[in-house]
Amino acid sequence: MKKETTFDAMKATVQRISFAFSCFSNIILILLICTNSPKKIGSYKYLMIYFCVFAIFFSVLDIVIQPYILSAGPGFIVITEIKDTFLGPFGETCFLSSICGCFGVILATIAIHFIYRYFALERKGKLKYFQGGYLVVWLFVPLFVGTVWTIVTVYFCAPNDITLEYSRTLMKDHYEIDLENVTYIGSIYFVKDANGKSVMNKFALLGMAILFSIMGVSLSILAYFATKCYTRIKKLIYEGESSYTRNLQKQLYKALVAQASIPMFFIFTPIGLYLTLPLVGIELEISGEIATFVYALYPALDPLPIIFIIHNYRDAVLEFLGCCNVNNRIGAEDEPTSVTRHVSNCS
């Protein structure tokens, strides 16, 4: 595609390391969930496994596509070297757009996690809506959101005359990329009219409005139930709940907040800035390079909060590593009214 630069080499290295560590850490977490989950965790473990499986899928997709997120003046462009395959031009565009659809899946999944946690904390029997066929529906929702996100991206960001006109010279001059030799998606927010005046590209802006609306709905649901969870946890101490139950709920909430913070920092903040800066007239080339670099770290880091915050999982890892003696650990389910946490003698 172009002469390899230091950034290209760093990007490739980070993607490979992230892919390997993501597969390792998520598989470890799946094993921990299956073998060391507290009994009280219920069907929530299936949501956690779902998140782990998706993180592995995201890593595989990223290492295959290896996208470049680049600035295209008053807009953006995402490029992959996948070209002239059996998928054909349209299939290759859909394939590249699918990694954008993953962002929608991530947000929707986190929002559903917070909904579950609130239902568990509320203790009004609503967890029945996360069992059986209901659970299947919940698991389908993120896939539906991701599919809609992908379709919108394909329709509004597929290669067109405007994108090609505005991006061809810029990509060639700044990045040494010939758009004829790559698969790309992109959107140009402002174009020149016959008089040379900059005017809005309504088609591109409509596409972005739809994507930001989907993101806004997911973030609003997430923020609402995260706040409700926090308020509810503060009230548990006055409702006669066992110390173990209170502590487990706090662990799960802290782990979920930490797990939600990782994609917010590594995906949605850099990608959000990258997409919105051109809208306000700021053409910052480095924003695309930062987004390209950091988003690949997400699936590798995402399992860590759960592994190290949930005591059962952390103790199992420490025991395996020989750092912790769990012979004296008190079983929480055997002591439902007074145990604050598992007791372990760690060296």
Protein backbone atom coordinates (compact mmCIF):
# COMPACT_ATOMS: atom_id res chain seq x y z
CA MET A 1 0.00 0.00 0.00
CA LYS A 2 2.80 2.43 0.83
CA LYS A 3 6.36 2.51 2.05
CA GLU A 4 6.40 1.25 5.62
CA THR A 5 7.01 3.93 8.22
CA THR A 6 7.89 3.72 11.91
CA PHE A 7 4.21 4.21 12.70
CA ASP A 8 3.27 1.31 10.41
CA ALA A 9 5.75 -0.97 12.12
CA MET A 10 4.54 0.07 15.59
CA LYS A 11 0.91 -0.39 14.56
CA ALA A 12 1.55 -3.88 13.20
CA THR A 13 3.46 -4.86 16.34
CA VAL A 14 0.75 -3.56 18.68
CA GLN A 15 -1.96 -5.34 16.68
CA ARG A 16 -0.12 -8.67 16.80
CA ILE A 17 0.64 -8.42 20.51
CA SER A 18 -2.90 -7.27 21.25
CA PHE A 19 -4.35 -10.16 19.23
CA ALA A 20 -2.27 -12.76 21.06
CA PHE A 21 -2.92 -11.30 24.51
CA SER A 22 -6.63 -10.81 23.78
CA CYS A 23 -7.07 -14.47 22.86
CA PHE A 24 -5.08 -15.55 25.92
CA SER A 25 -6.74 -13.27 28.49
CA ASN A 26 -10.28 -13.80 27.22
CA ILE A 27 -9.90 -17.58 27.13
CA ILE A 28 -8.53 -17.49 30.68
CA LEU A 29 -11.51 -15.39 31.79
CA ILE A 30 -13.97 -17.77 30.10
CA LEU A 31 -12.39 -20.69 31.99
CA LEU A 32 -12.57 -18.75 35.25
CA ILE A 33 -16.21 -17.87 34.67
CA CYS A 34 -17.07 -21.51 33.95
CA THR A 35 -15.16 -22.97 36.90
CA ASN A 36 -14.86 -20.32 39.63
CA SER A 37 -17.99 -18.17 39.45
CA PRO A 38 -19.91 -17.57 42.70
CA LYS A 39 -23.27 -19.37 42.74
CA LYS A 40 -25.06 -16.06 43.21
CA ILE A 41 -23.76 -14.73 39.89
CA GLY A 42 -26.55 -16.55 38.04
CA SER A 43 -27.06 -16.06 34.31
CA TYR A 44 -24.80 -13.01 34.38
CA LYS A 45 -21.93 -15.38 33.63
CA TYR A 46 -23.40 -15.97 30.18
CA LEU A 47 -23.29 -12.24 29.46
CA MET A 48 -19.66 -12.14 30.55
CA ILE A 49 -18.79 -15.12 28.35
CA TYR A 50 -20.62 -13.43 25.46
CA PHE A 51 -18.45 -10.34 25.93
CA CYS A 52 -15.28 -12.45 26.00
CA VAL A 53 -16.21 -14.30 22.80
CA PHE A 54 -16.96 -11.03 21.06
CA ALA A 55 -13.63 -9.53 22.19
CA ILE A 56 -11.83 -12.48 20.59
CA PHE A 57 -13.90 -12.02 17.42
CA PHE A 58 -13.02 -8.31 17.38
CA SER A 59 -9.31 -9.16 17.69
CA VAL A 60 -9.51 -11.64 14.83
CA LEU A 61 -11.34 -9.12 12.64
CA ASP A 62 -8.80 -6.43 13.45
CA ILE A 63 -5.75 -8.58 12.68
CA VAL A 64 -7.30 -9.69 9.38
CA ILE A 65 -8.45 -6.25 8.19
CA GLN A 66 -5.62 -4.23 9.81
CA PRO A 67 -7.39 -0.94 9.05
CA TYR A 68 -5.81 2.47 8.80
CA ILE A 69 -7.93 5.30 10.19
CA LEU A 70 -6.78 8.44 8.40
CA SER A 71 -7.71 12.10 8.17
CA ALA A 72 -9.22 13.13 4.84
CA GLY A 73 -9.43 16.90 5.26
CA PRO A 74 -13.05 17.84 6.11
CA GLY A 75 -13.94 14.21 6.78
CA PHE A 76 -12.46 10.79 7.40
CA ILE A 77 -11.39 7.65 5.60
CA VAL A 78 -10.74 4.06 6.75
CA ILE A 79 -8.53 1.88 4.58
CA THR A 80 -7.55 -1.79 4.32
CA GLU A 81 -5.21 -3.49 1.91
CA ILE A 82 -7.78 -6.25 1.33
CA LYS A 83 -8.53 -5.86 -2.37
CA ASP A 84 -9.57 -7.95 -5.38
CA THR A 85 -10.69 -10.96 -3.33
CA PHE A 86 -13.52 -13.41 -3.92
CA LEU A 87 -15.77 -11.05 -1.93
CA GLY A 88 -15.83 -8.50 -4.73
CA PRO A 89 -15.80 -4.70 -4.26
CA PHE A 90 -19.14 -4.56 -2.42
CA GLY A 91 -18.29 -7.53 -0.19
CA GLU A 92 -14.93 -5.99 0.67
CA THR A 93 -16.64 -2.73 1.59
CA CYS A 94 -19.09 -4.62 3.83
CA PHE A 95 -16.20 -6.54 5.40
CA LEU A 96 -14.34 -3.32 6.22
CA SER A 97 -17.55 -1.70 7.51
CA SER A 98 -18.13 -4.64 9.85
CA ILE A 99 -15.31 -3.47 12.12
CA CYS A 100 -17.24 -0.19 12.51
CA GLY A 101 -20.32 -2.26 13.35
CA CYS A 102 -18.33 -3.80 16.21
CA PHE A 103 -18.34 -0.43 17.96
CA GLY A 104 -22.13 -0.57 18.05
CA VAL A 105 -22.01 -4.12 19.47
CA ILE A 106 -19.64 -3.06 22.25
CA LEU A 107 -21.82 -0.16 23.41
CA ALA A 108 -25.04 -2.19 23.30
CA THR A 109 -23.43 -5.07 25.22
CA ILE A 110 -22.16 -2.81 28.00
CA ALA A 111 -25.60 -1.18 28.29
CA ILE A 112 -27.23 -4.62 28.64
CA HIS A 113 -24.71 -5.55 31.35
CA PHE A 114 -25.76 -2.51 33.39
CA ILE A 115 -29.44 -3.34 32.89
CA TYR A 116 -28.82 -6.84 34.25
CA ARG A 117 -26.83 -5.55 37.20
CA TYR A 118 -29.64 -3.15 38.13
CA PHE A 119 -32.28 -5.88 37.91
CA ALA A 120 -30.09 -8.05 40.16
CA LEU A 121 -29.66 -5.23 42.67
CA GLU A 122 -33.32 -4.26 42.57
CA ARG A 123 -34.36 -7.78 43.63
CA LYS A 124 -37.91 -7.53 42.30
CA GLY A 125 -37.89 -10.69 40.24
CA LYS A 126 -36.98 -8.98 36.96
CA LEU A 127 -34.02 -11.31 36.44
CA LYS A 128 -36.53 -13.75 34.97
CA TYR A 129 -36.26 -11.57 31.85
CA PHE A 130 -32.64 -12.70 31.52
CA GLN A 131 -33.41 -16.40 31.53
CA GLY A 132 -34.29 -18.88 28.80
CA GLY A 133 -35.64 -17.35 25.62
CA TYR A 134 -35.39 -13.85 27.07
CA LEU A 135 -31.62 -14.25 27.42
CA VAL A 136 -31.36 -15.22 23.75
CA VAL A 137 -33.19 -12.01 22.81
CA TRP A 138 -30.84 -9.91 24.95
CA LEU A 139 -27.83 -11.56 23.30
CA PHE A 140 -29.31 -10.84 19.88
CA VAL A 141 -29.77 -7.12 20.54
CA PRO A 142 -26.05 -6.14 20.26
CA LEU A 143 -25.78 -8.13 17.02
CA PHE A 144 -28.80 -6.28 15.65
CA VAL A 145 -27.31 -2.90 16.65
CA GLY A 146 -23.98 -3.86 15.07
CA THR A 147 -25.71 -4.96 11.87
CA VAL A 148 -27.62 -1.68 11.63
CA TRP A 149 -24.39 0.25 12.26
CA THR A 150 -22.65 -1.75 9.49
CA ILE A 151 -25.48 -1.22 7.01
CA VAL A 152 -25.54 2.52 7.67
CA THR A 153 -21.76 2.67 7.23
CA VAL A 154 -21.91 0.76 3.94
CA TYR A 155 -24.73 2.92 2.57
CA PHE A 156 -23.41 6.33 3.60
CA CYS A 157 -19.64 5.75 3.61
CA ALA A 158 -19.05 3.47 0.62
CA PRO A 159 -16.71 4.87 -2.06
CA ASN A 160 -18.35 7.55 -4.20
CA ASP A 161 -17.32 10.36 -6.53
CA ILE A 162 -17.16 12.97 -3.74
CA THR A 163 -14.98 10.83 -1.47
CA LEU A 164 -12.70 9.91 -4.35
CA GLU A 165 -12.36 13.50 -5.57
CA TYR A 166 -11.50 14.93 -2.16
CA SER A 167 -9.39 12.07 -0.90
CA ARG A 168 -7.34 10.81 -3.84
CA THR A 169 -4.78 13.63 -3.93
CA LEU A 170 -4.68 14.02 -0.14
CA MET A 171 -4.05 10.29 0.40
CA LYS A 172 -1.38 10.26 -2.31
CA ASP A 173 0.45 13.34 -1.03
CA HIS A 174 0.22 12.79 2.72
CA TYR A 175 0.16 9.00 3.05
CA GLU A 176 1.50 7.75 -0.31
CA ILE A 177 -1.71 5.75 -0.78
CA ASP A 178 -3.34 5.15 -4.14
CA LEU A 179 -7.06 4.69 -3.46
CA GLU A 180 -7.36 2.55 -6.58
CA ASN A 181 -5.24 -0.12 -4.87
CA VAL A 182 -7.08 -0.37 -1.55
CA THR A 183 -10.56 -0.90 -0.14
CA TYR A 184 -11.84 2.11 1.75
CA ILE A 185 -14.86 3.71 3.33
CA GLY A 186 -15.12 7.37 4.21
CA SER A 187 -17.20 10.47 4.44
CA ILE A 188 -16.56 14.09 3.49
CA TYR A 189 -18.65 16.54 5.53
CA PHE A 190 -18.04 19.70 3.49
CA VAL A 191 -17.55 20.07 -0.27
CA LYS A 192 -16.95 22.95 -2.66
CA ASP A 193 -19.84 24.26 -4.78
CA ALA A 194 -19.55 25.74 -8.28
CA ASN A 195 -18.39 29.04 -6.78
CA GLY A 196 -15.70 27.43 -4.66
CA LYS A 197 -17.67 27.97 -1.47
CA SER A 198 -17.63 25.27 1.21
CA VAL A 199 -21.09 23.75 1.69
CA MET A 200 -22.43 20.88 3.78
CA ASN A 201 -22.57 17.41 2.26
CA LYS A 202 -26.05 16.56 3.55
CA PHE A 203 -25.80 12.89 2.55
CA ALA A 204 -22.64 12.38 4.60
CA LEU A 205 -23.96 14.35 7.56
CA LEU A 206 -27.19 12.32 7.58
CA GLY A 207 -25.18 9.12 7.84
CA MET A 208 -23.16 10.49 10.74
CA ALA A 209 -26.34 11.71 12.43
CA ILE A 210 -27.79 8.19 12.32
CA LEU A 211 -24.61 6.64 13.73
CA PHE A 212 -24.32 9.23 16.49
CA SER A 213 -28.01 8.74 17.33
CA ILE A 214 -27.46 5.00 17.79
CA MET A 215 -24.42 5.75 19.93
CA GLY A 216 -26.36 8.34 21.93
CA VAL A 217 -29.21 5.93 22.73
CA SER A 218 -26.78 3.25 23.92
CA LEU A 219 -24.78 5.72 26.02
CA SER A 220 -27.95 7.16 27.56
CA ILE A 221 -29.18 3.70 28.60
CA LEU A 222 -25.73 2.86 29.93
CA ALA A 223 -25.46 6.07 31.96
CA TYR A 224 -29.01 5.76 33.33
CA PHE A 225 -28.63 2.20 34.62
CA ALA A 226 -25.06 2.77 35.81
CA THR A 227 -26.35 5.61 37.99
CA LYS A 228 -29.28 3.48 39.20
CA CYS A 229 -26.86 0.67 40.09
CA TYR A 230 -24.64 2.99 42.09
CA THR A 231 -27.58 4.42 44.01
CA ARG A 232 -28.97 0.95 44.67
CA ILE A 233 -25.68 -0.46 45.97
CA LYS A 234 -25.47 2.33 48.56
CA LYS A 235 -28.87 1.25 49.91
CA LEU A 236 -28.07 -2.47 50.24
CA ILE A 237 -26.36 -2.02 53.59
CA TYR A 238 -29.66 -0.87 55.13
CA GLU A 239 -31.75 -3.76 53.77
CA GLY A 240 -30.41 -6.72 55.69
CA GLU A 241 -28.42 -8.19 52.82
CA SER A 242 -25.54 -10.47 53.81
CA SER A 243 -22.07 -9.02 53.77
CA TYR A 244 -21.13 -11.51 51.07
CA THR A 245 -23.99 -10.45 48.81
CA ARG A 246 -23.22 -6.76 49.26
CA ASN A 247 -19.56 -7.33 48.59
CA LEU A 248 -20.19 -9.47 45.51
CA GLN A 249 -22.53 -6.85 44.05
CA LYS A 250 -19.92 -4.15 44.67
CA GLN A 251 -17.25 -6.28 43.01
CA LEU A 252 -19.42 -6.89 39.96
CA TYR A 253 -20.33 -3.21 39.72
CA LYS A 254 -16.71 -2.05 40.03
CA ALA A 255 -15.59 -4.62 37.47
CA LEU A 256 -18.32 -3.53 35.06
CA VAL A 257 -17.48 0.17 35.46
CA ALA A 258 -13.80 -0.57 34.86
CA GLN A 259 -14.66 -2.81 31.91
CA ALA A 260 -16.86 -0.08 30.43
CA SER A 261 -14.14 2.55 30.93
CA ILE A 262 -11.65 0.69 28.74
CA PRO A 263 -13.62 0.93 25.46
CA MET A 264 -14.64 4.48 26.36
CA PHE A 265 -10.99 5.49 26.62
CA PHE A 266 -9.50 3.30 23.90
CA ILE A 267 -12.32 3.34 21.33
CA PHE A 268 -15.10 5.86 21.71
CA THR A 269 -13.10 8.88 22.85
CA PRO A 270 -10.43 8.74 20.09
CA ILE A 271 -12.90 7.61 17.42
CA GLY A 272 -15.45 10.19 18.56
CA LEU A 273 -12.90 13.00 18.34
CA TYR A 274 -11.70 11.72 14.98
CA LEU A 275 -15.26 11.80 13.58
CA THR A 276 -16.37 15.09 15.14
CA LEU A 277 -13.33 17.35 14.80
CA PRO A 278 -13.84 17.86 11.03
CA LEU A 279 -17.45 18.86 11.75
CA VAL A 280 -16.23 21.92 13.67
CA GLY A 281 -13.55 22.77 11.14
CA ILE A 282 -10.59 21.15 12.89
CA GLU A 283 -8.55 19.00 10.53
CA LEU A 284 -6.17 17.17 12.85
CA GLU A 285 -4.22 14.53 10.96
CA ILE A 286 -2.78 12.95 14.09
CA SER A 287 -6.27 12.16 15.44
CA GLY A 288 -6.61 9.34 12.94
CA GLU A 289 -3.18 7.95 13.77
CA ILE A 290 -3.98 7.96 17.49
CA ALA A 291 -7.31 6.22 16.89
CA THR A 292 -5.61 3.63 14.66
CA PHE A 293 -3.04 2.91 17.34
CA VAL A 294 -5.09 2.76 20.55
CA TYR A 295 -8.33 1.03 19.58
CA ALA A 296 -6.45 -2.23 18.91
CA LEU A 297 -5.56 -2.39 22.62
CA TYR A 298 -9.19 -2.65 23.74
CA PRO A 299 -9.84 -6.43 23.44
CA ALA A 300 -6.55 -7.28 25.16
CA LEU A 301 -7.22 -5.07 28.19
CA ASP A 302 -10.97 -5.58 28.57
CA PRO A 303 -10.90 -8.88 30.56
CA LEU A 304 -8.40 -7.63 33.14
CA PRO A 305 -10.82 -5.69 35.42
CA ILE A 306 -13.04 -8.74 35.89
CA ILE A 307 -10.08 -11.07 36.52
CA PHE A 308 -8.52 -8.82 39.17
CA ILE A 309 -11.60 -7.27 40.80
CA ILE A 310 -13.79 -10.38 41.24
CA HIS A 311 -12.23 -12.12 44.24
CA ASN A 312 -13.05 -15.66 43.10
CA TYR A 313 -11.28 -15.17 39.78
CA ARG A 314 -8.33 -13.27 41.23
CA ASP A 315 -7.76 -15.86 43.96
CA ALA A 316 -7.92 -18.69 41.40
CA VAL A 317 -5.25 -16.98 39.29
CA LEU A 318 -3.04 -16.28 42.31
CA GLU A 319 -3.45 -19.86 43.49
CA PHE A 320 -2.45 -21.17 40.06
CA LEU A 321 0.61 -18.93 40.08
CA GLY A 322 1.53 -20.16 43.55
CA CYS A 323 1.14 -16.69 45.08
CA CYS A 324 -1.77 -17.45 47.34
CA ASN A 325 -2.72 -20.16 49.84
CA VAL A 326 -6.45 -20.75 49.66
CA ASN A 327 -6.62 -23.65 52.11
CA ASN A 328 -8.02 -21.36 54.80
CA ARG A 329 -10.43 -19.56 52.52
CA ILE A 330 -13.98 -19.39 53.85
CA GLY A 331 -16.66 -20.36 51.37
CA ALA A 332 -18.98 -17.40 50.94
CA GLU A 333 -21.99 -19.51 50.15
CA ASP A 334 -21.42 -21.42 53.39
CA GLU A 335 -21.39 -18.19 55.42
CA PRO A 336 -24.17 -16.06 53.96
CA THR A 337 -24.60 -13.53 56.71
CA SER A 338 -21.22 -12.41 57.90
CA VAL A 339 -18.50 -13.02 55.37
CA THR A 340 -17.37 -9.83 53.72
CA ARG A 341 -14.98 -11.50 51.32
CA HIS A 342 -13.00 -14.69 50.89
CA VAL A 343 -10.24 -14.92 53.45
CA SER A 344 -6.92 -15.90 51.95
CA ASN A 345 -3.35 -15.89 53.17
CA CYS A 346 -1.38 -14.25 50.39
CA SER A 347 2.34 -14.02 50.51
